[in-house]
């Protein structure tokens, strides 16, 4: 019988060797930190997690697994694995502000520059895929990387299989602005010339990550957005078991609105449009809080009305970076999250 313990040198480790992901010791004299699940992918989820780790020690990121571009797409096509890029970015966001956290965040985000096959690959993508091959378990591999990084939370894939996003897009041909075209692939959907009207997943009804479903059902808060609305946020609602958990959970639900439309994917979106599209894709999903930036939301009457129709209230705060770029400031966003969670 081979030794599958973490110290074994036989080249393999059993899935049972995954480290225990303890969110940290809690002082009984302090209020219990909220259990928060954040949904999304890419830069939007990175922004959300960078803020949330300043607010609570109990965070689970549930990440889209539909990326088909860049390093992730190459590894997915060559090895048949989940695309690791958005998972890597989530882990980097959960790294601490100490020297250890800064160093490892930079290491896993580092991309090779060369004239050869390694060009463009992120170190973290290769590390994650290596652990997946050794362990044969995507969740265990992510837990090991999280422990190495000292991540302030856990990162999980939303599905146990890689997915493709299929979008119905209006006006791909400017000469025929009302015609619908089917576009497949996350990169193609995110960069389309037309306006995305709806999305679906391939395969249909994909299996959810059981750990992600469990985390959603046990959470105090579930956070949607910010991020690419059709390709990072909405896909979670198309995985049946995960969507059911999001509707049935006793957790309160918070939607963080984007600071600006994304070219191609959400051109000309108003603040309330994000909520309207969310309701179209998940008509049974209730919302408790909608968080919007004061410099973006403008007239709050319509977005407040749509939030109320979905069962929630609108909270307007200064959460944008001060340099004028469409980025959330992690400290301001953390303060807004903390106020909402305490309220």
C-alpha atoms as a PDB file:
ATOM      1  CA  UNK A   1       0.000   0.000   0.000  1.00  0.00           C
ATOM      2  CA  UNK A   2       1.460   3.362  -0.994  1.00  0.00           C
ATOM      3  CA  UNK A   3       1.822   6.228   1.436  1.00  0.00           C
ATOM      4  CA  UNK A   4      -0.492   9.049   0.278  1.00  0.00           C
ATOM      5  CA  UNK A   5       0.311  11.426   3.101  1.00  0.00           C
ATOM      6  CA  UNK A   6       1.523  14.980   2.343  1.00  0.00           C
ATOM      7  CA  UNK A   7       5.097  13.868   2.996  1.00  0.00           C
ATOM      8  CA  UNK A   8       5.012  10.923   0.619  1.00  0.00           C
ATOM      9  CA  UNK A   9       7.610  10.882  -2.191  1.00  0.00           C
ATOM     10  CA  UNK A  10       5.861   8.378  -4.435  1.00  0.00           C
ATOM     11  CA  UNK A  11       4.768  11.143  -6.839  1.00  0.00           C
ATOM     12  CA  UNK A  12       1.082  11.028  -5.926  1.00  0.00           C
ATOM     13  CA  UNK A  13      -1.117  12.195  -3.082  1.00  0.00           C
ATOM     14  CA  UNK A  14      -4.561  10.933  -2.203  1.00  0.00           C
ATOM     15  CA  UNK A  15      -7.462  13.340  -2.198  1.00  0.00           C
ATOM     16  CA  UNK A  16      -7.861  12.715   1.517  1.00  0.00           C
ATOM     17  CA  UNK A  17      -4.622  14.636   2.051  1.00  0.00           C
ATOM     18  CA  UNK A  18      -6.282  17.991   1.332  1.00  0.00           C
ATOM     19  CA  UNK A  19      -5.483  20.481   4.089  1.00  0.00           C
ATOM     20  CA  UNK A  20      -8.150  21.573   6.510  1.00  0.00           C
ATOM     21  CA  UNK A  21      -9.313  25.061   5.518  1.00  0.00           C
ATOM     22  CA  UNK A  22      -9.780  26.696   8.899  1.00  0.00           C
ATOM     23  CA  UNK A  23     -11.025  30.305   8.472  1.00  0.00           C
ATOM     24  CA  UNK A  24      -9.042  31.272  11.559  1.00  0.00           C
ATOM     25  CA  UNK A  25      -9.408  31.358  15.313  1.00  0.00           C
ATOM     26  CA  UNK A  26     -12.252  33.432  16.664  1.00  0.00           C
ATOM     27  CA  UNK A  27     -12.176  35.378  19.909  1.00  0.00           C
ATOM     28  CA  UNK A  28     -15.371  34.439  21.810  1.00  0.00           C
ATOM     29  CA  UNK A  29     -15.581  38.016  23.070  1.00  0.00           C
ATOM     30  CA  UNK A  30     -15.905  39.342  19.509  1.00  0.00           C
ATOM     31  CA  UNK A  31     -19.022  39.087  17.315  1.00  0.00           C
ATOM     32  CA  UNK A  32     -18.991  36.023  15.080  1.00  0.00           C
ATOM     33  CA  UNK A  33     -17.753  37.053  11.626  1.00  0.00           C
ATOM     34  CA  UNK A  34     -20.338  36.579   8.888  1.00  0.00           C
ATOM     35  CA  UNK A  35     -20.018  33.578   6.605  1.00  0.00           C
ATOM     36  CA  UNK A  36     -19.864  35.111   3.146  1.00  0.00           C
ATOM     37  CA  UNK A  37     -19.997  33.436  -0.265  1.00  0.00           C
ATOM     38  CA  UNK A  38     -18.902  35.609  -3.209  1.00  0.00           C
ATOM     39  CA  UNK A  39     -19.848  34.632  -6.752  1.00  0.00           C
ATOM     40  CA  UNK A  40     -18.188  35.684  -9.986  1.00  0.00           C
ATOM     41  CA  UNK A  41     -14.875  35.531 -11.775  1.00  0.00           C
ATOM     42  CA  UNK A  42     -11.988  37.562 -13.093  1.00  0.00           C
ATOM     43  CA  UNK A  43     -11.295  41.136 -12.060  1.00  0.00           C
ATOM     44  CA  UNK A  44     -14.763  41.732 -10.597  1.00  0.00           C
ATOM     45  CA  UNK A  45     -14.522  38.863  -8.134  1.00  0.00           C
ATOM     46  CA  UNK A  46     -10.938  39.894  -7.342  1.00  0.00           C
ATOM     47  CA  UNK A  47     -12.249  43.331  -6.310  1.00  0.00           C
ATOM     48  CA  UNK A  48     -15.001  41.833  -4.181  1.00  0.00           C
ATOM     49  CA  UNK A  49     -12.689  39.378  -2.407  1.00  0.00           C
ATOM     50  CA  UNK A  50     -10.001  42.016  -1.822  1.00  0.00           C
ATOM     51  CA  UNK A  51     -12.622  43.965   0.123  1.00  0.00           C
ATOM     52  CA  UNK A  52     -14.335  41.046   1.846  1.00  0.00           C
ATOM     53  CA  UNK A  53     -11.122  39.697   3.401  1.00  0.00           C
ATOM     54  CA  UNK A  54     -10.881  43.019   5.256  1.00  0.00           C
ATOM     55  CA  UNK A  55     -14.342  42.427   6.756  1.00  0.00           C
ATOM     56  CA  UNK A  56     -14.608  38.731   7.621  1.00  0.00           C
ATOM     57  CA  UNK A  57     -12.426  35.680   8.145  1.00  0.00           C
ATOM     58  CA  UNK A  58     -15.037  33.296   6.715  1.00  0.00           C
ATOM     59  CA  UNK A  59     -15.090  33.720   2.931  1.00  0.00           C
ATOM     60  CA  UNK A  60     -15.802  31.244   0.155  1.00  0.00           C
ATOM     61  CA  UNK A  61     -15.366  32.284  -3.454  1.00  0.00           C
ATOM     62  CA  UNK A  62     -17.438  30.334  -5.984  1.00  0.00           C
ATOM     63  CA  UNK A  63     -15.866  30.900  -9.376  1.00  0.00           C
ATOM     64  CA  UNK A  64     -17.015  30.513 -12.970  1.00  0.00           C
ATOM     65  CA  UNK A  65     -15.213  27.832 -15.011  1.00  0.00           C
ATOM     66  CA  UNK A  66     -15.952  28.842 -18.596  1.00  0.00           C
ATOM     67  CA  UNK A  67     -12.800  30.742 -19.599  1.00  0.00           C
ATOM     68  CA  UNK A  68     -11.522  29.632 -22.996  1.00  0.00           C
ATOM     69  CA  UNK A  69      -8.849  32.250 -23.696  1.00  0.00           C
ATOM     70  CA  UNK A  70      -5.187  32.846 -22.901  1.00  0.00           C
ATOM     71  CA  UNK A  71      -3.266  30.544 -20.603  1.00  0.00           C
ATOM     72  CA  UNK A  72      -6.455  29.054 -19.138  1.00  0.00           C
ATOM     73  CA  UNK A  73      -7.837  28.186 -22.536  1.00  0.00           C
ATOM     74  CA  UNK A  74      -4.592  26.569 -23.632  1.00  0.00           C
ATOM     75  CA  UNK A  75      -4.398  24.385 -20.514  1.00  0.00           C
ATOM     76  CA  UNK A  76      -8.078  23.521 -20.789  1.00  0.00           C
ATOM     77  CA  UNK A  77      -7.742  22.399 -24.413  1.00  0.00           C
ATOM     78  CA  UNK A  78      -4.465  20.530 -23.933  1.00  0.00           C
ATOM     79  CA  UNK A  79      -5.199  18.773 -20.621  1.00  0.00           C
ATOM     80  CA  UNK A  80      -8.997  18.748 -20.388  1.00  0.00           C
ATOM     81  CA  UNK A  81      -8.948  20.497 -16.993  1.00  0.00           C
ATOM     82  CA  UNK A  82     -11.059  23.264 -15.533  1.00  0.00           C
ATOM     83  CA  UNK A  83      -9.752  26.652 -16.697  1.00  0.00           C
ATOM     84  CA  UNK A  84      -7.616  27.764 -13.742  1.00  0.00           C
ATOM     85  CA  UNK A  85      -7.239  31.500 -14.412  1.00  0.00           C
ATOM     86  CA  UNK A  86     -10.255  32.916 -12.571  1.00  0.00           C
ATOM     87  CA  UNK A  87      -9.616  30.497  -9.698  1.00  0.00           C
ATOM     88  CA  UNK A  88      -6.022  31.769  -9.523  1.00  0.00           C
ATOM     89  CA  UNK A  89      -7.151  35.403  -9.455  1.00  0.00           C
ATOM     90  CA  UNK A  90      -9.530  34.643  -6.600  1.00  0.00           C
ATOM     91  CA  UNK A  91      -6.742  33.009  -4.604  1.00  0.00           C
ATOM     92  CA  UNK A  92      -4.480  36.003  -5.251  1.00  0.00           C
ATOM     93  CA  UNK A  93      -7.184  38.370  -3.989  1.00  0.00           C
ATOM     94  CA  UNK A  94      -7.414  36.426  -0.738  1.00  0.00           C
ATOM     95  CA  UNK A  95      -3.686  36.779  -0.010  1.00  0.00           C
ATOM     96  CA  UNK A  96      -2.888  38.933   3.012  1.00  0.00           C
ATOM     97  CA  UNK A  97      -1.240  42.350   3.098  1.00  0.00           C
ATOM     98  CA  UNK A  98       1.914  41.055   4.810  1.00  0.00           C
ATOM     99  CA  UNK A  99       5.144  40.203   2.998  1.00  0.00           C
ATOM    100  CA  UNK A 100       4.142  36.548   2.600  1.00  0.00           C
ATOM    101  CA  UNK A 101       0.813  37.462   1.045  1.00  0.00           C
ATOM    102  CA  UNK A 102       2.231  40.119  -1.277  1.00  0.00           C
ATOM    103  CA  UNK A 103       5.016  37.827  -2.450  1.00  0.00           C
ATOM    104  CA  UNK A 104       2.834  34.830  -3.206  1.00  0.00           C
ATOM    105  CA  UNK A 105       0.177  36.971  -4.847  1.00  0.00           C
ATOM    106  CA  UNK A 106       2.823  38.313  -7.231  1.00  0.00           C
ATOM    107  CA  UNK A 107       4.274  34.848  -7.831  1.00  0.00           C
ATOM    108  CA  UNK A 108       1.029  33.177  -8.858  1.00  0.00           C
ATOM    109  CA  UNK A 109       0.008  36.158 -11.000  1.00  0.00           C
ATOM    110  CA  UNK A 110       3.385  36.280 -12.766  1.00  0.00           C
ATOM    111  CA  UNK A 111       3.291  35.454 -16.482  1.00  0.00           C
ATOM    112  CA  UNK A 112       6.230  34.084 -18.412  1.00  0.00           C
ATOM    113  CA  UNK A 113       7.549  36.160 -21.307  1.00  0.00           C
ATOM    114  CA  UNK A 114       9.386  34.178 -23.945  1.00  0.00           C
ATOM    115  CA  UNK A 115       9.458  33.136 -27.591  1.00  0.00           C
ATOM    116  CA  UNK A 116       8.469  29.587 -26.673  1.00  0.00           C
ATOM    117  CA  UNK A 117       5.566  27.511 -25.431  1.00  0.00           C
ATOM    118  CA  UNK A 118       5.591  28.992 -21.923  1.00  0.00           C
ATOM    119  CA  UNK A 119       4.852  32.510 -23.186  1.00  0.00           C
ATOM    120  CA  UNK A 120       1.759  33.936 -21.525  1.00  0.00           C
ATOM    121  CA  UNK A 121       1.284  31.155 -19.006  1.00  0.00           C
ATOM    122  CA  UNK A 122       0.676  32.299 -15.431  1.00  0.00           C
ATOM    123  CA  UNK A 123       2.725  30.563 -12.745  1.00  0.00           C
ATOM    124  CA  UNK A 124      -0.389  30.062 -10.629  1.00  0.00           C
ATOM    125  CA  UNK A 125      -2.227  28.326 -13.469  1.00  0.00           C
ATOM    126  CA  UNK A 126       0.580  25.798 -13.826  1.00  0.00           C
ATOM    127  CA  UNK A 127       0.775  25.261 -10.057  1.00  0.00           C
ATOM    128  CA  UNK A 128      -2.967  24.666  -9.763  1.00  0.00           C
ATOM    129  CA  UNK A 129      -3.063  22.230 -12.696  1.00  0.00           C
ATOM    130  CA  UNK A 130      -0.032  20.351 -11.336  1.00  0.00           C
ATOM    131  CA  UNK A 131      -1.834  19.796  -8.031  1.00  0.00           C
ATOM    132  CA  UNK A 132      -4.969  18.707  -9.853  1.00  0.00           C
ATOM    133  CA  UNK A 133      -2.963  16.075 -11.720  1.00  0.00           C
ATOM    134  CA  UNK A 134      -1.253  14.868  -8.537  1.00  0.00           C
ATOM    135  CA  UNK A 135      -4.404  14.769  -6.402  1.00  0.00           C
ATOM    136  CA  UNK A 136      -7.060  13.968  -8.973  1.00  0.00           C
ATOM    137  CA  UNK A 137      -9.369  16.383  -7.165  1.00  0.00           C
ATOM    138  CA  UNK A 138      -9.924  20.001  -8.185  1.00  0.00           C
ATOM    139  CA  UNK A 139     -11.176  21.180  -4.788  1.00  0.00           C
ATOM    140  CA  UNK A 140      -8.345  19.501  -2.872  1.00  0.00           C
ATOM    141  CA  UNK A 141      -5.822  21.072  -5.239  1.00  0.00           C
ATOM    142  CA  UNK A 142      -7.245  24.554  -4.687  1.00  0.00           C
ATOM    143  CA  UNK A 143      -7.225  24.014  -0.931  1.00  0.00           C
ATOM    144  CA  UNK A 144      -3.529  23.106  -1.064  1.00  0.00           C
ATOM    145  CA  UNK A 145      -2.717  26.242  -3.050  1.00  0.00           C
ATOM    146  CA  UNK A 146      -4.781  28.306  -0.622  1.00  0.00           C
ATOM    147  CA  UNK A 147      -2.822  26.918   2.310  1.00  0.00           C
ATOM    148  CA  UNK A 148       0.500  27.651   0.593  1.00  0.00           C
ATOM    149  CA  UNK A 149      -0.562  31.248  -0.051  1.00  0.00           C
ATOM    150  CA  UNK A 150      -2.044  31.762   3.399  1.00  0.00           C
ATOM    151  CA  UNK A 151      -5.291  32.696   1.670  1.00  0.00           C
ATOM    152  CA  UNK A 152      -7.916  34.341   3.884  1.00  0.00           C
ATOM    153  CA  UNK A 153     -10.726  32.143   2.622  1.00  0.00           C
ATOM    154  CA  UNK A 154     -11.524  29.257   0.315  1.00  0.00           C
ATOM    155  CA  UNK A 155     -11.858  29.131  -3.483  1.00  0.00           C
ATOM    156  CA  UNK A 156     -14.189  26.661  -5.205  1.00  0.00           C
ATOM    157  CA  UNK A 157     -15.236  26.068  -8.821  1.00  0.00           C
ATOM    158  CA  UNK A 158     -18.957  26.547  -9.455  1.00  0.00           C
ATOM    159  CA  UNK A 159     -19.065  23.309 -11.467  1.00  0.00           C
ATOM    160  CA  UNK A 160     -17.003  20.156 -11.493  1.00  0.00           C
ATOM    161  CA  UNK A 161     -16.663  20.246 -15.301  1.00  0.00           C
ATOM    162  CA  UNK A 162     -15.404  22.957 -17.685  1.00  0.00           C
ATOM    163  CA  UNK A 163     -18.232  24.903 -19.315  1.00  0.00           C
ATOM    164  CA  UNK A 164     -18.881  26.902 -22.453  1.00  0.00           C
ATOM    165  CA  UNK A 165     -21.049  30.017 -22.483  1.00  0.00           C
ATOM    166  CA  UNK A 166     -23.431  30.437 -25.405  1.00  0.00           C
ATOM    167  CA  UNK A 167     -24.936  33.880 -25.934  1.00  0.00           C
ATOM    168  CA  UNK A 168     -27.794  35.166 -28.039  1.00  0.00           C
ATOM    169  CA  UNK A 169     -26.453  38.443 -29.391  1.00  0.00           C
ATOM    170  CA  UNK A 170     -28.427  41.178 -31.097  1.00  0.00           C
ATOM    171  CA  UNK A 171     -26.934  43.335 -33.822  1.00  0.00           C
ATOM    172  CA  UNK A 172     -23.640  41.578 -34.518  1.00  0.00           C
ATOM    173  CA  UNK A 173     -24.069  42.861 -38.080  1.00  0.00           C
ATOM    174  CA  UNK A 174     -24.611  46.647 -37.842  1.00  0.00           C
ATOM    175  CA  UNK A 175     -26.607  46.495 -41.069  1.00  0.00           C
ATOM    176  CA  UNK A 176     -29.131  44.178 -39.359  1.00  0.00           C
ATOM    177  CA  UNK A 177     -29.336  45.576 -35.818  1.00  0.00           C
ATOM    178  CA  UNK A 178     -32.284  43.458 -34.649  1.00  0.00           C
ATOM    179  CA  UNK A 179     -31.108  40.070 -35.876  1.00  0.00           C
ATOM    180  CA  UNK A 180     -29.998  37.523 -33.273  1.00  0.00           C
ATOM    181  CA  UNK A 181     -26.754  35.587 -33.640  1.00  0.00           C
ATOM    182  CA  UNK A 182     -25.547  32.682 -31.492  1.00  0.00           C
ATOM    183  CA  UNK A 183     -22.021  33.212 -30.138  1.00  0.00           C
ATOM    184  CA  UNK A 184     -20.128  30.502 -28.257  1.00  0.00           C
ATOM    185  CA  UNK A 185     -17.236  30.844 -25.821  1.00  0.00           C
ATOM    186  CA  UNK A 186     -16.516  33.240 -22.974  1.00  0.00           C
ATOM    187  CA  UNK A 187     -14.006  35.306 -24.929  1.00  0.00           C
ATOM    188  CA  UNK A 188     -16.312  35.614 -27.942  1.00  0.00           C
ATOM    189  CA  UNK A 189     -19.294  36.548 -25.734  1.00  0.00           C
ATOM    190  CA  UNK A 190     -17.313  39.138 -23.777  1.00  0.00           C
ATOM    191  CA  UNK A 191     -15.917  40.786 -26.907  1.00  0.00           C
ATOM    192  CA  UNK A 192     -18.925  40.615 -29.202  1.00  0.00           C
ATOM    193  CA  UNK A 193     -19.826  43.667 -31.304  1.00  0.00           C
ATOM    194  CA  UNK A 194     -23.529  43.215 -30.606  1.00  0.00           C
ATOM    195  CA  UNK A 195     -25.590  43.336 -27.428  1.00  0.00           C
ATOM    196  CA  UNK A 196     -25.899  40.150 -25.412  1.00  0.00           C
ATOM    197  CA  UNK A 197     -29.563  39.359 -24.754  1.00  0.00           C
ATOM    198  CA  UNK A 198     -29.304  36.034 -22.902  1.00  0.00           C
ATOM    199  CA  UNK A 199     -26.890  33.203 -22.148  1.00  0.00           C
ATOM    200  CA  UNK A 200     -26.957  29.442 -21.689  1.00  0.00           C
ATOM    201  CA  UNK A 201     -24.346  26.849 -20.776  1.00  0.00           C
ATOM    202  CA  UNK A 202     -22.871  23.831 -22.540  1.00  0.00           C
ATOM    203  CA  UNK A 203     -23.279  21.212 -21.280  1.00  0.00           C
ATOM    204  CA  UNK A 204     -26.822  22.024 -20.222  1.00  0.00           C
ATOM    205  CA  UNK A 205     -27.596  21.433 -16.551  1.00  0.00           C
ATOM    206  CA  UNK A 206     -23.950  20.895 -15.561  1.00  0.00           C
ATOM    207  CA  UNK A 207     -23.079  19.352 -12.191  1.00  0.00           C
ATOM    208  CA  UNK A 208     -22.430  21.839  -9.414  1.00  0.00           C
ATOM    209  CA  UNK A 209     -19.490  21.582  -7.073  1.00  0.00           C
ATOM    210  CA  UNK A 210     -21.025  19.960  -3.944  1.00  0.00           C
ATOM    211  CA  UNK A 211     -18.800  22.077  -1.711  1.00  0.00           C
ATOM    212  CA  UNK A 212     -20.056  25.246  -3.414  1.00  0.00           C
ATOM    213  CA  UNK A 213     -23.678  24.235  -2.895  1.00  0.00           C
ATOM    214  CA  UNK A 214     -22.980  23.484   0.769  1.00  0.00           C
ATOM    215  CA  UNK A 215     -21.239  26.834   1.260  1.00  0.00           C
ATOM    216  CA  UNK A 216     -24.189  28.738  -0.239  1.00  0.00           C
ATOM    217  CA  UNK A 217     -26.717  26.906   1.935  1.00  0.00           C
ATOM    218  CA  UNK A 218     -24.694  27.593   5.101  1.00  0.00           C
ATOM    219  CA  UNK A 219     -23.820  31.227   4.350  1.00  0.00           C
ATOM    220  CA  UNK A 220     -25.014  34.355   6.145  1.00  0.00           C
ATOM    221  CA  UNK A 221     -24.504  36.501   3.035  1.00  0.00           C
ATOM    222  CA  UNK A 222     -24.194  35.750  -0.674  1.00  0.00           C
ATOM    223  CA  UNK A 223     -22.551  38.462  -2.792  1.00  0.00           C
ATOM    224  CA  UNK A 224     -23.143  38.778  -6.554  1.00  0.00           C
ATOM    225  CA  UNK A 225     -20.821  41.013  -8.581  1.00  0.00           C
ATOM    226  CA  UNK A 226     -19.223  43.213  -9.511  1.00  0.00           C
ATOM    227  CA  UNK A 227     -17.894  41.746 -12.742  1.00  0.00           C
ATOM    228  CA  UNK A 228     -18.674  40.760 -16.300  1.00  0.00           C
ATOM    229  CA  UNK A 229     -22.406  40.300 -15.950  1.00  0.00           C
ATOM    230  CA  UNK A 230     -23.131  37.689 -18.605  1.00  0.00           C
ATOM    231  CA  UNK A 231     -19.867  35.761 -18.486  1.00  0.00           C
ATOM    232  CA  UNK A 232     -18.928  35.855 -14.778  1.00  0.00           C
ATOM    233  CA  UNK A 233     -22.001  36.565 -12.647  1.00  0.00           C
ATOM    234  CA  UNK A 234     -25.056  35.084 -14.365  1.00  0.00           C
ATOM    235  CA  UNK A 235     -23.560  31.635 -15.190  1.00  0.00           C
ATOM    236  CA  UNK A 236     -23.920  30.600 -11.526  1.00  0.00           C
ATOM    237  CA  UNK A 237     -27.679  30.819 -11.952  1.00  0.00           C
ATOM    238  CA  UNK A 238     -27.617  28.328 -14.835  1.00  0.00           C
ATOM    239  CA  UNK A 239     -26.093  25.468 -12.830  1.00  0.00           C
ATOM    240  CA  UNK A 240     -29.265  23.798 -11.478  1.00  0.00           C
ATOM    241  CA  UNK A 241     -28.144  22.602  -8.024  1.00  0.00           C
ATOM    242  CA  UNK A 242     -26.259  25.832  -7.364  1.00  0.00           C
ATOM    243  CA  UNK A 243     -29.169  27.968  -8.601  1.00  0.00           C
ATOM    244  CA  UNK A 244     -31.551  26.039  -6.349  1.00  0.00           C
ATOM    245  CA  UNK A 245     -29.285  26.630  -3.370  1.00  0.00           C
ATOM    246  CA  UNK A 246     -29.067  30.359  -4.180  1.00  0.00           C
ATOM    247  CA  UNK A 247     -32.859  30.612  -4.200  1.00  0.00           C
ATOM    248  CA  UNK A 248     -33.467  28.428  -1.135  1.00  0.00           C
ATOM    249  CA  UNK A 249     -30.604  29.548   1.143  1.00  0.00           C
ATOM    250  CA  UNK A 250     -31.472  31.453   4.289  1.00  0.00           C
ATOM    251  CA  UNK A 251     -28.529  33.756   3.566  1.00  0.00           C
ATOM    252  CA  UNK A 252     -29.177  37.351   2.660  1.00  0.00           C
ATOM    253  CA  UNK A 253     -28.213  38.325  -0.876  1.00  0.00           C
ATOM    254  CA  UNK A 254     -26.268  41.403  -1.911  1.00  0.00           C
ATOM    255  CA  UNK A 255     -25.706  42.628  -5.466  1.00  0.00           C
ATOM    256  CA  UNK A 256     -22.759  44.955  -6.080  1.00  0.00           C
ATOM    257  CA  UNK A 257     -23.341  46.957  -9.249  1.00  0.00           C
ATOM    258  CA  UNK A 258     -20.604  47.631 -11.776  1.00  0.00           C
ATOM    259  CA  UNK A 259     -19.029  51.050 -12.107  1.00  0.00           C
ATOM    260  CA  UNK A 260     -19.224  51.196 -15.898  1.00  0.00           C
ATOM    261  CA  UNK A 261     -20.634  49.200 -18.827  1.00  0.00           C
ATOM    262  CA  UNK A 262     -18.340  46.622 -20.421  1.00  0.00           C
ATOM    263  CA  UNK A 263     -17.786  47.152 -24.125  1.00  0.00           C
ATOM    264  CA  UNK A 264     -19.693  44.559 -26.106  1.00  0.00           C
ATOM    265  CA  UNK A 265     -21.126  42.642 -23.174  1.00  0.00           C
ATOM    266  CA  UNK A 266     -23.082  45.372 -21.376  1.00  0.00           C
ATOM    267  CA  UNK A 267     -22.910  48.408 -23.665  1.00  0.00           C
ATOM    268  CA  UNK A 268     -25.379  51.126 -22.654  1.00  0.00           C
ATOM    269  CA  UNK A 269     -26.421  49.358 -19.452  1.00  0.00           C
ATOM    270  CA  UNK A 270     -27.988  51.623 -16.849  1.00  0.00           C
ATOM    271  CA  UNK A 271     -27.576  50.692 -13.160  1.00  0.00           C
ATOM    272  CA  UNK A 272     -31.036  49.118 -13.054  1.00  0.00           C
ATOM    273  CA  UNK A 273     -30.378  47.066 -16.201  1.00  0.00           C
ATOM    274  CA  UNK A 274     -28.048  44.746 -14.277  1.00  0.00           C
ATOM    275  CA  UNK A 275     -30.889  43.932 -11.896  1.00  0.00           C
ATOM    276  CA  UNK A 276     -33.432  43.517 -14.681  1.00  0.00           C
ATOM    277  CA  UNK A 277     -31.180  41.034 -16.488  1.00  0.00           C
ATOM    278  CA  UNK A 278     -30.553  39.194 -13.216  1.00  0.00           C
ATOM    279  CA  UNK A 279     -34.309  38.883 -12.677  1.00  0.00           C
ATOM    280  CA  UNK A 280     -34.823  37.628 -16.234  1.00  0.00           C
ATOM    281  CA  UNK A 281     -32.317  34.823 -15.740  1.00  0.00           C
ATOM    282  CA  UNK A 282     -33.425  33.969 -12.177  1.00  0.00           C
ATOM    283  CA  UNK A 283     -37.044  35.077 -11.669  1.00  0.00           C
ATOM    284  CA  UNK A 284     -37.333  33.327  -8.290  1.00  0.00           C
ATOM    285  CA  UNK A 285     -34.182  34.876  -6.818  1.00  0.00           C
ATOM    286  CA  UNK A 286     -34.805  37.482  -4.134  1.00  0.00           C
ATOM    287  CA  UNK A 287     -32.347  40.250  -3.317  1.00  0.00           C
ATOM    288  CA  UNK A 288     -31.887  41.930   0.061  1.00  0.00           C
ATOM    289  CA  UNK A 289     -29.411  44.714  -0.737  1.00  0.00           C
ATOM    290  CA  UNK A 290     -28.199  46.423  -3.915  1.00  0.00           C
ATOM    291  CA  UNK A 291     -24.928  48.314  -3.425  1.00  0.00           C
ATOM    292  CA  UNK A 292     -24.183  51.115  -5.896  1.00  0.00           C
ATOM    293  CA  UNK A 293     -21.534  53.807  -6.136  1.00  0.00           C
ATOM    294  CA  UNK A 294     -22.789  57.340  -5.526  1.00  0.00           C
ATOM    295  CA  UNK A 295     -20.931  58.697  -8.532  1.00  0.00           C
ATOM    296  CA  UNK A 296     -22.450  56.168 -10.926  1.00  0.00           C
ATOM    297  CA  UNK A 297     -26.037  55.562  -9.888  1.00  0.00           C
ATOM    298  CA  UNK A 298     -27.253  59.124 -10.552  1.00  0.00           C
ATOM    299  CA  UNK A 299     -31.030  59.250 -10.212  1.00  0.00           C
ATOM    300  CA  UNK A 300     -31.717  56.501  -7.696  1.00  0.00           C
ATOM    301  CA  UNK A 301     -35.469  56.307  -8.259  1.00  0.00           C
ATOM    302  CA  UNK A 302     -35.497  53.662 -10.991  1.00  0.00           C
ATOM    303  CA  UNK A 303     -32.745  51.415  -9.611  1.00  0.00           C
ATOM    304  CA  UNK A 304     -34.319  51.711  -6.163  1.00  0.00           C
ATOM    305  CA  UNK A 305     -37.675  50.717  -7.622  1.00  0.00           C
ATOM    306  CA  UNK A 306     -36.231  47.632  -9.339  1.00  0.00           C
ATOM    307  CA  UNK A 307     -34.368  46.662  -6.154  1.00  0.00           C
ATOM    308  CA  UNK A 308     -37.640  46.927  -4.242  1.00  0.00           C
ATOM    309  CA  UNK A 309     -39.426  44.793  -6.834  1.00  0.00           C
ATOM    310  CA  UNK A 310     -36.813  42.093  -6.182  1.00  0.00           C
ATOM    311  CA  UNK A 311     -37.401  42.351  -2.429  1.00  0.00           C
ATOM    312  CA  UNK A 312     -34.418  44.490  -1.522  1.00  0.00           C
ATOM    313  CA  UNK A 313     -33.235  47.990  -0.734  1.00  0.00           C
ATOM    314  CA  UNK A 314     -30.724  50.248  -2.411  1.00  0.00           C
ATOM    315  CA  UNK A 315     -27.569  51.320  -0.570  1.00  0.00           C
ATOM    316  CA  UNK A 316     -25.525  54.106  -2.166  1.00  0.00           C
ATOM    317  CA  UNK A 317     -21.916  54.593  -1.034  1.00  0.00           C
ATOM    318  CA  UNK A 318     -18.630  55.953  -2.365  1.00  0.00           C
ATOM    319  CA  UNK A 319     -16.869  52.744  -3.402  1.00  0.00           C
ATOM    320  CA  UNK A 320     -14.997  53.745  -6.576  1.00  0.00           C
ATOM    321  CA  UNK A 321     -11.235  54.273  -6.760  1.00  0.00           C
ATOM    322  CA  UNK A 322     -10.240  57.910  -6.508  1.00  0.00           C
ATOM    323  CA  UNK A 323      -8.171  57.930  -9.708  1.00  0.00           C
ATOM    324  CA  UNK A 324     -11.193  58.044 -11.978  1.00  0.00           C
ATOM    325  CA  UNK A 325     -10.740  54.501 -13.300  1.00  0.00           C
ATOM    326  CA  UNK A 326     -13.716  52.100 -13.230  1.00  0.00           C
ATOM    327  CA  UNK A 327     -12.302  50.140 -10.291  1.00  0.00           C
ATOM    328  CA  UNK A 328     -13.644  49.564  -6.802  1.00  0.00           C
ATOM    329  CA  UNK A 329     -11.426  50.823  -3.998  1.00  0.00           C
ATOM    330  CA  UNK A 330     -10.910  47.806  -1.688  1.00  0.00           C
ATOM    331  CA  UNK A 331     -10.981  49.847   1.523  1.00  0.00           C
ATOM    332  CA  UNK A 332     -14.097  51.822   0.556  1.00  0.00           C
ATOM    333  CA  UNK A 333     -15.839  48.692  -0.682  1.00  0.00           C
ATOM    334  CA  UNK A 334     -14.876  46.888   2.537  1.00  0.00           C
ATOM    335  CA  UNK A 335     -16.378  49.706   4.610  1.00  0.00           C
ATOM    336  CA  UNK A 336     -19.604  49.507   2.595  1.00  0.00           C
ATOM    337  CA  UNK A 337     -19.773  45.723   2.997  1.00  0.00           C
ATOM    338  CA  UNK A 338     -19.148  46.025   6.732  1.00  0.00           C
ATOM    339  CA  UNK A 339     -21.938  48.571   7.149  1.00  0.00           C
ATOM    340  CA  UNK A 340     -24.377  46.395   5.208  1.00  0.00           C
ATOM    341  CA  UNK A 341     -23.456  43.226   7.089  1.00  0.00           C
ATOM    342  CA  UNK A 342     -23.787  44.948  10.455  1.00  0.00           C
ATOM    343  CA  UNK A 343     -27.066  46.617   9.512  1.00  0.00           C
END
